[in-house]
PDB file of N, CA and C in Angstrom:
ATOM      1  N   UNK A   1     100.297  96.425  80.741  1.00  0.00           N
ATOM      2  CA  UNK A   1      99.316  95.360  80.815  1.00  0.00           C
ATOM      3  C   UNK A   1      99.450  94.651  82.161  1.00  0.00           C
ATOM      4  N   UNK A   2      98.346  94.447  82.834  1.00  0.00           N
ATOM      5  CA  UNK A   2      98.406  93.850  84.168  1.00  0.00           C
ATOM      6  C   UNK A   2      98.777  92.369  84.109  1.00  0.00           C
ATOM      7  N   UNK A   3      99.187  91.863  85.262  1.00  0.00           N
ATOM      8  CA  UNK A   3      99.551  90.461  85.376  1.00  0.00           C
ATOM      9  C   UNK A   3      99.173  89.977  86.773  1.00  0.00           C
ATOM     10  N   UNK A   4      99.180  88.675  86.923  1.00  0.00           N
ATOM     11  CA  UNK A   4      98.862  88.048  88.191  1.00  0.00           C
ATOM     12  C   UNK A   4     100.023  87.166  88.616  1.00  0.00           C
ATOM     13  N   UNK A   5     100.238  87.079  89.912  1.00  0.00           N
ATOM     14  CA  UNK A   5     101.208  86.141  90.486  1.00  0.00           C
ATOM     15  C   UNK A   5     100.400  85.162  91.324  1.00  0.00           C
ATOM     16  N   UNK A   6     100.617  83.880  91.062  1.00  0.00           N
ATOM     17  CA  UNK A   6      99.923  82.812  91.766  1.00  0.00           C
ATOM     18  C   UNK A   6     100.957  81.994  92.520  1.00  0.00           C
ATOM     19  N   UNK A   7     100.722  81.809  93.809  1.00  0.00           N
ATOM     20  CA  UNK A   7     101.639  81.029  94.642  1.00  0.00           C
ATOM     21  C   UNK A   7     100.879  79.878  95.283  1.00  0.00           C
ATOM     22  N   UNK A   8     101.417  78.681  95.134  1.00  0.00           N
ATOM     23  CA  UNK A   8     100.926  77.506  95.835  1.00  0.00           C
ATOM     24  C   UNK A   8     101.994  77.173  96.868  1.00  0.00           C
ATOM     25  N   UNK A   9     101.640  77.265  98.136  1.00  0.00           N
ATOM     26  CA  UNK A   9     102.629  77.164  99.202  1.00  0.00           C
ATOM     27  C   UNK A   9     102.264  76.011 100.129  1.00  0.00           C
ATOM     28  N   UNK A  10     103.247  75.176 100.433  1.00  0.00           N
ATOM     29  CA  UNK A  10     103.085  74.115 101.421  1.00  0.00           C
ATOM     30  C   UNK A  10     103.928  74.488 102.625  1.00  0.00           C
ATOM     31  N   UNK A  11     103.265  74.847 103.698  1.00  0.00           N
ATOM     32  CA  UNK A  11     103.934  75.340 104.910  1.00  0.00           C
ATOM     33  C   UNK A  11     104.214  74.163 105.840  1.00  0.00           C
ATOM     34  N   UNK A  12     105.470  74.036 106.264  1.00  0.00           N
ATOM     35  CA  UNK A  12     105.818  72.968 107.205  1.00  0.00           C
ATOM     36  C   UNK A  12     106.333  73.499 108.543  1.00  0.00           C
ATOM     37  N   UNK A  13     106.539  74.814 108.646  1.00  0.00           N
ATOM     38  CA  UNK A  13     106.973  75.430 109.905  1.00  0.00           C
ATOM     39  C   UNK A  13     106.207  76.740 110.071  1.00  0.00           C
ATOM     40  N   UNK A  14     105.075  76.693 110.777  1.00  0.00           N
ATOM     41  CA  UNK A  14     104.201  77.861 110.916  1.00  0.00           C
ATOM     42  C   UNK A  14     104.872  79.003 111.682  1.00  0.00           C
ATOM     43  N   UNK A  15     105.700  78.695 112.665  1.00  0.00           N
ATOM     44  CA  UNK A  15     106.362  79.756 113.430  1.00  0.00           C
ATOM     45  C   UNK A  15     107.328  80.542 112.550  1.00  0.00           C
ATOM     46  N   UNK A  16     108.115  79.858 111.753  1.00  0.00           N
ATOM     47  CA  UNK A  16     109.044  80.536 110.850  1.00  0.00           C
ATOM     48  C   UNK A  16     108.276  81.278 109.756  1.00  0.00           C
ATOM     49  N   UNK A  17     107.210  80.691 109.258  1.00  0.00           N
ATOM     50  CA  UNK A  17     106.407  81.331 108.219  1.00  0.00           C
ATOM     51  C   UNK A  17     105.758  82.614 108.740  1.00  0.00           C
ATOM     52  N   UNK A  18     105.404  82.623 110.006  1.00  0.00           N
ATOM     53  CA  UNK A  18     104.802  83.818 110.623  1.00  0.00           C
ATOM     54  C   UNK A  18     105.754  85.014 110.509  1.00  0.00           C
ATOM     55  N   UNK A  19     107.060  84.777 110.595  1.00  0.00           N
ATOM     56  CA  UNK A  19     108.033  85.872 110.435  1.00  0.00           C
ATOM     57  C   UNK A  19     107.921  86.474 109.034  1.00  0.00           C
ATOM     58  N   UNK A  20     107.709  85.631 108.054  1.00  0.00           N
ATOM     59  CA  UNK A  20     107.501  86.093 106.677  1.00  0.00           C
ATOM     60  C   UNK A  20     106.219  86.922 106.591  1.00  0.00           C
ATOM     61  N   UNK A  21     105.144  86.402 107.164  1.00  0.00           N
ATOM     62  CA  UNK A  21     103.861  87.109 107.130  1.00  0.00           C
ATOM     63  C   UNK A  21     103.949  88.470 107.806  1.00  0.00           C
ATOM     64  N   UNK A  22     104.663  88.540 108.918  1.00  0.00           N
ATOM     65  CA  UNK A  22     104.761  89.787 109.679  1.00  0.00           C
ATOM     66  C   UNK A  22     105.445  90.899 108.902  1.00  0.00           C
ATOM     67  N   UNK A  23     106.345  90.565 107.995  1.00  0.00           N
ATOM     68  CA  UNK A  23     107.046  91.595 107.229  1.00  0.00           C
ATOM     69  C   UNK A  23     106.501  91.823 105.835  1.00  0.00           C
ATOM     70  N   UNK A  24     105.587  90.975 105.404  1.00  0.00           N
ATOM     71  CA  UNK A  24     105.147  91.002 104.009  1.00  0.00           C
ATOM     72  C   UNK A  24     104.443  92.298 103.617  1.00  0.00           C
ATOM     73  N   UNK A  25     103.418  92.697 104.359  1.00  0.00           N
ATOM     74  CA  UNK A  25     102.601  93.850 103.953  1.00  0.00           C
ATOM     75  C   UNK A  25     103.415  95.127 103.795  1.00  0.00           C
ATOM     76  N   UNK A  26     104.324  95.368 104.704  1.00  0.00           N
ATOM     77  CA  UNK A  26     105.122  96.594 104.644  1.00  0.00           C
ATOM     78  C   UNK A  26     105.965  96.647 103.370  1.00  0.00           C
ATOM     79  N   UNK A  27     106.573  95.539 103.015  1.00  0.00           N
ATOM     80  CA  UNK A  27     107.393  95.504 101.795  1.00  0.00           C
ATOM     81  C   UNK A  27     106.505  95.543 100.561  1.00  0.00           C
ATOM     82  N   UNK A  28     105.466  94.734 100.556  1.00  0.00           N
ATOM     83  CA  UNK A  28     104.583  94.623  99.393  1.00  0.00           C
ATOM     84  C   UNK A  28     103.933  95.955  99.043  1.00  0.00           C
ATOM     85  N   UNK A  29     103.629  96.763 100.033  1.00  0.00           N
ATOM     86  CA  UNK A  29     102.929  98.040  99.829  1.00  0.00           C
ATOM     87  C   UNK A  29     103.666  98.971  98.869  1.00  0.00           C
ATOM     88  N   UNK A  30     104.963  98.845  98.760  1.00  0.00           N
ATOM     89  CA  UNK A  30     105.739  99.744  97.914  1.00  0.00           C
ATOM     90  C   UNK A  30     105.785  99.371  96.453  1.00  0.00           C
ATOM     91  N   UNK A  31     105.028  98.364  96.037  1.00  0.00           N
ATOM     92  CA  UNK A  31     105.174  97.860  94.671  1.00  0.00           C
ATOM     93  C   UNK A  31     103.886  97.839  93.854  1.00  0.00           C
ATOM     94  N   UNK A  32     102.873  98.587  94.292  1.00  0.00           N
ATOM     95  CA  UNK A  32     101.637  98.777  93.527  1.00  0.00           C
ATOM     96  C   UNK A  32     100.882  97.487  93.238  1.00  0.00           C
ATOM     97  N   UNK A  33     101.185  96.434  93.990  1.00  0.00           N
ATOM     98  CA  UNK A  33     100.448  95.185  93.822  1.00  0.00           C
ATOM     99  C   UNK A  33      99.265  95.126  94.765  1.00  0.00           C
ATOM    100  N   UNK A  34      98.417  94.149  94.536  1.00  0.00           N
ATOM    101  CA  UNK A  34      97.260  93.933  95.410  1.00  0.00           C
ATOM    102  C   UNK A  34      97.107  92.434  95.640  1.00  0.00           C
ATOM    103  N   UNK A  35      97.027  92.047  96.902  1.00  0.00           N
ATOM    104  CA  UNK A  35      96.749  90.655  97.235  1.00  0.00           C
ATOM    105  C   UNK A  35      95.242  90.471  97.115  1.00  0.00           C
ATOM    106  N   UNK A  36      94.827  89.608  96.206  1.00  0.00           N
ATOM    107  CA  UNK A  36      93.406  89.386  95.965  1.00  0.00           C
ATOM    108  C   UNK A  36      92.858  88.225  96.787  1.00  0.00           C
ATOM    109  N   UNK A  37      93.651  87.182  96.947  1.00  0.00           N
ATOM    110  CA  UNK A  37      93.179  85.973  97.619  1.00  0.00           C
ATOM    111  C   UNK A  37      94.312  85.348  98.423  1.00  0.00           C
ATOM    112  N   UNK A  38      93.995  84.961  99.646  1.00  0.00           N
ATOM    113  CA  UNK A  38      94.831  84.064 100.447  1.00  0.00           C
ATOM    114  C   UNK A  38      93.865  83.015 100.975  1.00  0.00           C
ATOM    115  N   UNK A  39      94.041  81.763 100.547  1.00  0.00           N
ATOM    116  CA  UNK A  39      93.068  80.731 100.889  1.00  0.00           C
ATOM    117  C   UNK A  39      93.786  79.453 101.291  1.00  0.00           C
ATOM    118  N   UNK A  40      93.374  78.897 102.410  1.00  0.00           N
ATOM    119  CA  UNK A  40      93.935  77.624 102.863  1.00  0.00           C
ATOM    120  C   UNK A  40      92.936  76.481 102.706  1.00  0.00           C
ATOM    121  N   UNK A  41      91.807  76.747 102.078  1.00  0.00           N
ATOM    122  CA  UNK A  41      90.806  75.703 101.901  1.00  0.00           C
ATOM    123  C   UNK A  41      90.051  75.896 100.583  1.00  0.00           C
ATOM    124  N   UNK A  42      90.778  75.880  99.434  1.00  0.00           N
ATOM    125  CA  UNK A  42      90.086  76.076  98.164  1.00  0.00           C
ATOM    126  C   UNK A  42      89.238  74.855  97.806  1.00  0.00           C
ATOM    127  N   UNK A  43      88.267  75.063  96.969  1.00  0.00           N
ATOM    128  CA  UNK A  43      87.438  73.972  96.458  1.00  0.00           C
ATOM    129  C   UNK A  43      88.087  73.461  95.177  1.00  0.00           C
ATOM    130  N   UNK A  44      88.456  72.207  95.164  1.00  0.00           N
ATOM    131  CA  UNK A  44      89.142  71.609  94.013  1.00  0.00           C
ATOM    132  C   UNK A  44      88.100  70.970  93.102  1.00  0.00           C
ATOM    133  N   UNK A  45      88.016  71.428  91.871  1.00  0.00           N
ATOM    134  CA  UNK A  45      87.101  70.843  90.899  1.00  0.00           C
ATOM    135  C   UNK A  45      87.713  69.620  90.224  1.00  0.00           C
ATOM    136  N   UNK A  46      88.998  69.697  89.918  1.00  0.00           N
ATOM    137  CA  UNK A  46      89.681  68.580  89.253  1.00  0.00           C
ATOM    138  C   UNK A  46      91.119  68.513  89.718  1.00  0.00           C
ATOM    139  N   UNK A  47      91.686  67.325  89.690  1.00  0.00           N
ATOM    140  CA  UNK A  47      93.102  67.138  89.962  1.00  0.00           C
ATOM    141  C   UNK A  47      93.449  67.217  91.432  1.00  0.00           C
ATOM    142  N   UNK A  48      94.731  67.425  91.679  1.00  0.00           N
ATOM    143  CA  UNK A  48      95.274  67.494  93.034  1.00  0.00           C
ATOM    144  C   UNK A  48      95.662  68.927  93.357  1.00  0.00           C
ATOM    145  N   UNK A  49      95.411  69.328  94.551  1.00  0.00           N
ATOM    146  CA  UNK A  49      95.803  70.659  95.041  1.00  0.00           C
ATOM    147  C   UNK A  49      96.335  70.437  96.442  1.00  0.00           C
ATOM    148  N   UNK A  50      97.591  70.056  96.537  1.00  0.00           N
ATOM    149  CA  UNK A  50      98.161  69.587  97.793  1.00  0.00           C
ATOM    150  C   UNK A  50      98.796  70.664  98.653  1.00  0.00           C
ATOM    151  N   UNK A  51      98.800  71.891  98.195  1.00  0.00           N
ATOM    152  CA  UNK A  51      99.417  72.962  98.972  1.00  0.00           C
ATOM    153  C   UNK A  51      98.533  73.346 100.161  1.00  0.00           C
ATOM    154  N   UNK A  52      99.133  73.985 101.146  1.00  0.00           N
ATOM    155  CA  UNK A  52      98.374  74.410 102.322  1.00  0.00           C
ATOM    156  C   UNK A  52      97.883  75.850 102.201  1.00  0.00           C
ATOM    157  N   UNK A  53      98.416  76.605 101.246  1.00  0.00           N
ATOM    158  CA  UNK A  53      97.982  77.999 101.066  1.00  0.00           C
ATOM    159  C   UNK A  53      98.092  78.357  99.586  1.00  0.00           C
ATOM    160  N   UNK A  54      97.068  79.049  99.097  1.00  0.00           N
ATOM    161  CA  UNK A  54      97.071  79.561  97.731  1.00  0.00           C
ATOM    162  C   UNK A  54      96.941  81.076  97.813  1.00  0.00           C
ATOM    163  N   UNK A  55      97.794  81.774  97.067  1.00  0.00           N
ATOM    164  CA  UNK A  55      97.793  83.240  97.084  1.00  0.00           C
ATOM    165  C   UNK A  55      97.697  83.730  95.644  1.00  0.00           C
ATOM    166  N   UNK A  56      96.834  84.722  95.426  1.00  0.00           N
ATOM    167  CA  UNK A  56      96.699  85.362  94.123  1.00  0.00           C
ATOM    168  C   UNK A  56      96.914  86.853  94.299  1.00  0.00           C
ATOM    169  N   UNK A  57      97.858  87.402  93.523  1.00  0.00           N
ATOM    170  CA  UNK A  57      98.187  88.828  93.578  1.00  0.00           C
ATOM    171  C   UNK A  57      98.058  89.431  92.184  1.00  0.00           C
ATOM    172  N   UNK A  58      97.672  90.692  92.123  1.00  0.00           N
ATOM    173  CA  UNK A  58      97.594  91.397  90.841  1.00  0.00           C
ATOM    174  C   UNK A  58      98.569  92.569  90.866  1.00  0.00           C
ATOM    175  N   UNK A  59      99.245  92.776  89.748  1.00  0.00           N
ATOM    176  CA  UNK A  59     100.157  93.905  89.568  1.00  0.00           C
ATOM    177  C   UNK A  59      99.755  94.661  88.309  1.00  0.00           C
ATOM    178  N   UNK A  60     100.029  95.958  88.252  1.00  0.00           N
ATOM    179  CA  UNK A  60      99.664  96.738  87.073  1.00  0.00           C
ATOM    180  C   UNK A  60     100.499  96.390  85.841  1.00  0.00           C
ATOM    181  N   UNK A  61     101.658  95.744  86.057  1.00  0.00           N
ATOM    182  CA  UNK A  61     102.515  95.385  84.925  1.00  0.00           C
ATOM    183  C   UNK A  61     103.469  94.261  85.334  1.00  0.00           C
ATOM    184  N   UNK A  62     103.984  93.586  84.328  1.00  0.00           N
ATOM    185  CA  UNK A  62     105.006  92.560  84.555  1.00  0.00           C
ATOM    186  C   UNK A  62     106.237  93.177  85.216  1.00  0.00           C
ATOM    187  N   UNK A  63     106.595  94.365  84.800  1.00  0.00           N
ATOM    188  CA  UNK A  63     107.772  95.036  85.345  1.00  0.00           C
ATOM    189  C   UNK A  63     107.627  95.281  86.848  1.00  0.00           C
ATOM    190  N   UNK A  64     106.421  95.685  87.266  1.00  0.00           N
ATOM    191  CA  UNK A  64     106.204  95.960  88.686  1.00  0.00           C
ATOM    192  C   UNK A  64     106.249  94.662  89.495  1.00  0.00           C
ATOM    193  N   UNK A  65     105.702  93.586  88.951  1.00  0.00           N
ATOM    194  CA  UNK A  65     105.761  92.286  89.632  1.00  0.00           C
ATOM    195  C   UNK A  65     107.206  91.832  89.791  1.00  0.00           C
ATOM    196  N   UNK A  66     107.980  91.983  88.735  1.00  0.00           N
ATOM    197  CA  UNK A  66     109.398  91.603  88.811  1.00  0.00           C
ATOM    198  C   UNK A  66     110.162  92.504  89.770  1.00  0.00           C
ATOM    199  N   UNK A  67     109.844  93.783  89.778  1.00  0.00           N
ATOM    200  CA  UNK A  67     110.519  94.729  90.678  1.00  0.00           C
ATOM    201  C   UNK A  67     110.277  94.322  92.132  1.00  0.00           C
ATOM    202  N   UNK A  68     109.024  93.916  92.463  1.00  0.00           N
ATOM    203  CA  UNK A  68     108.708  93.429  93.812  1.00  0.00           C
ATOM    204  C   UNK A  68     109.485  92.149  94.114  1.00  0.00           C
ATOM    205  N   UNK A  69     109.338  91.145  93.253  1.00  0.00           N
ATOM    206  CA  UNK A  69     109.920  89.832  93.537  1.00  0.00           C
ATOM    207  C   UNK A  69     111.449  89.896  93.623  1.00  0.00           C
ATOM    208  N   UNK A  70     112.065  90.675  92.762  1.00  0.00           N
ATOM    209  CA  UNK A  70     113.528  90.753  92.706  1.00  0.00           C
ATOM    210  C   UNK A  70     114.131  91.739  93.695  1.00  0.00           C
ATOM    211  N   UNK A  71     113.295  92.518  94.384  1.00  0.00           N
ATOM    212  CA  UNK A  71     113.828  93.539  95.290  1.00  0.00           C
ATOM    213  C   UNK A  71     114.643  92.905  96.419  1.00  0.00           C
ATOM    214  N   UNK A  72     115.663  93.611  96.847  1.00  0.00           N
ATOM    215  CA  UNK A  72     116.508  93.133  97.943  1.00  0.00           C
ATOM    216  C   UNK A  72     115.693  92.949  99.216  1.00  0.00           C
ATOM    217  N   UNK A  73     114.741  93.853  99.454  1.00  0.00           N
ATOM    218  CA  UNK A  73     113.920  93.776 100.665  1.00  0.00           C
ATOM    219  C   UNK A  73     113.068  92.506 100.672  1.00  0.00           C
ATOM    220  N   UNK A  74     112.433  92.216  99.530  1.00  0.00           N
ATOM    221  CA  UNK A  74     111.600  91.015  99.480  1.00  0.00           C
ATOM    222  C   UNK A  74     112.452  89.753  99.550  1.00  0.00           C
ATOM    223  N   UNK A  75     113.547  89.725  98.838  1.00  0.00           N
ATOM    224  CA  UNK A  75     114.388  88.530  98.853  1.00  0.00           C
ATOM    225  C   UNK A  75     114.941  88.241 100.247  1.00  0.00           C
ATOM    226  N   UNK A  76     115.248  89.280 101.001  1.00  0.00           N
ATOM    227  CA  UNK A  76     115.690  89.091 102.393  1.00  0.00           C
ATOM    228  C   UNK A  76     114.551  88.497 103.225  1.00  0.00           C
ATOM    229  N   UNK A  77     113.350  89.040 103.084  1.00  0.00           N
ATOM    230  CA  UNK A  77     112.195  88.513 103.808  1.00  0.00           C
ATOM    231  C   UNK A  77     111.867  87.090 103.379  1.00  0.00           C
ATOM    232  N   UNK A  78     111.991  86.801 102.105  1.00  0.00           N
ATOM    233  CA  UNK A  78     111.639  85.484 101.562  1.00  0.00           C
ATOM    234  C   UNK A  78     112.486  84.363 102.153  1.00  0.00           C
ATOM    235  N   UNK A  79     113.595  84.680 102.759  1.00  0.00           N
ATOM    236  CA  UNK A  79     114.411  83.647 103.404  1.00  0.00           C
ATOM    237  C   UNK A  79     113.599  82.920 104.472  1.00  0.00           C
ATOM    238  N   UNK A  80     112.716  83.621 105.153  1.00  0.00           N
ATOM    239  CA  UNK A  80     111.843  82.982 106.144  1.00  0.00           C
ATOM    240  C   UNK A  80     110.883  82.010 105.454  1.00  0.00           C
ATOM    241  N   UNK A  81     110.320  82.434 104.321  1.00  0.00           N
ATOM    242  CA  UNK A  81     109.407  81.565 103.573  1.00  0.00           C
ATOM    243  C   UNK A  81     110.133  80.335 103.069  1.00  0.00           C
ATOM    244  N   UNK A  82     111.343  80.526 102.574  1.00  0.00           N
ATOM    245  CA  UNK A  82     112.122  79.391 102.064  1.00  0.00           C
ATOM    246  C   UNK A  82     112.407  78.368 103.164  1.00  0.00           C
ATOM    247  N   UNK A  83     112.708  78.856 104.365  1.00  0.00           N
ATOM    248  CA  UNK A  83     112.975  77.940 105.478  1.00  0.00           C
ATOM    249  C   UNK A  83     111.707  77.239 105.963  1.00  0.00           C
ATOM    250  N   UNK A  84     110.560  77.889 105.818  1.00  0.00           N
ATOM    251  CA  UNK A  84     109.317  77.406 106.419  1.00  0.00           C
ATOM    252  C   UNK A  84     108.399  76.658 105.464  1.00  0.00           C
ATOM    253  N   UNK A  85     108.700  76.697 104.166  1.00  0.00           N
ATOM    254  CA  UNK A  85     107.732  76.156 103.218  1.00  0.00           C
ATOM    255  C   UNK A  85     108.390  75.800 101.889  1.00  0.00           C
ATOM    256  N   UNK A  86     107.590  75.164 101.060  1.00  0.00           N
ATOM    257  CA  UNK A  86     107.934  74.967  99.648  1.00  0.00           C
ATOM    258  C   UNK A  86     106.878  75.720  98.852  1.00  0.00           C
ATOM    259  N   UNK A  87     107.293  76.413  97.816  1.00  0.00           N
ATOM    260  CA  UNK A  87     106.331  77.181  97.022  1.00  0.00           C
ATOM    261  C   UNK A  87     106.559  76.975  95.534  1.00  0.00           C
ATOM    262  N   UNK A  88     105.474  76.940  94.805  1.00  0.00           N
ATOM    263  CA  UNK A  88     105.476  77.033  93.348  1.00  0.00           C
ATOM    264  C   UNK A  88     104.819  78.370  93.038  1.00  0.00           C
ATOM    265  N   UNK A  89     105.556  79.248  92.360  1.00  0.00           N
ATOM    266  CA  UNK A  89     105.074  80.612  92.105  1.00  0.00           C
ATOM    267  C   UNK A  89     105.202  80.905  90.622  1.00  0.00           C
ATOM    268  N   UNK A  90     104.127  81.389  90.021  1.00  0.00           N
ATOM    269  CA  UNK A  90     104.149  81.728  88.603  1.00  0.00           C
ATOM    270  C   UNK A  90     103.568  83.127  88.411  1.00  0.00           C
ATOM    271  N   UNK A  91     103.977  83.742  87.306  1.00  0.00           N
ATOM    272  CA  UNK A  91     103.373  84.996  86.873  1.00  0.00           C
ATOM    273  C   UNK A  91     102.649  84.706  85.564  1.00  0.00           C
ATOM    274  N   UNK A  92     101.409  85.160  85.485  1.00  0.00           N
ATOM    275  CA  UNK A  92     100.639  85.014  84.245  1.00  0.00           C
ATOM    276  C   UNK A  92     100.234  86.407  83.786  1.00  0.00           C
ATOM    277  N   UNK A  93     100.318  86.621  82.477  1.00  0.00           N
ATOM    278  CA  UNK A  93     100.016  87.931  81.916  1.00  0.00           C
ATOM    279  C   UNK A  93      98.605  87.949  81.341  1.00  0.00           C
ATOM    280  N   UNK A  94      97.958  89.070  81.492  1.00  0.00           N
ATOM    281  CA  UNK A  94      96.628  89.256  80.932  1.00  0.00           C
ATOM    282  C   UNK A  94      96.793  89.607  79.457  1.00  0.00           C
ATOM    283  N   UNK A  95      96.175  88.838  78.584  1.00  0.00           N
ATOM    284  CA  UNK A  95      96.319  89.041  77.141  1.00  0.00           C
ATOM    285  C   UNK A  95      95.176  89.815  76.532  1.00  0.00           C
ATOM    286  N   UNK A  96      94.176  90.165  77.320  1.00  0.00           N
ATOM    287  CA  UNK A  96      93.010  90.860  76.764  1.00  0.00           C
ATOM    288  C   UNK A  96      92.823  92.189  77.417  1.00  0.00           C
TER     289      UNK A  96
END
């Protein structure tokens, strides 16, 4: 069953974050996921949306999403993201 990963990211160091971006596609390609949306200017209907970037990714299964996120390669790359930003990241499963 497919799932989605949603990331709300507040970037405070664009130069350091660029290092994360530069390595992302190569690592991500090995995990059967698809980046559907990267948006820095979403339209807010209700509430607060204070992040500077919103990312939506789809994976064919929860296992594949976890395999990507937990991989040594991604975790090494994510050190740049951790230094450059704050992120709230969730996985949601498709129930239908």
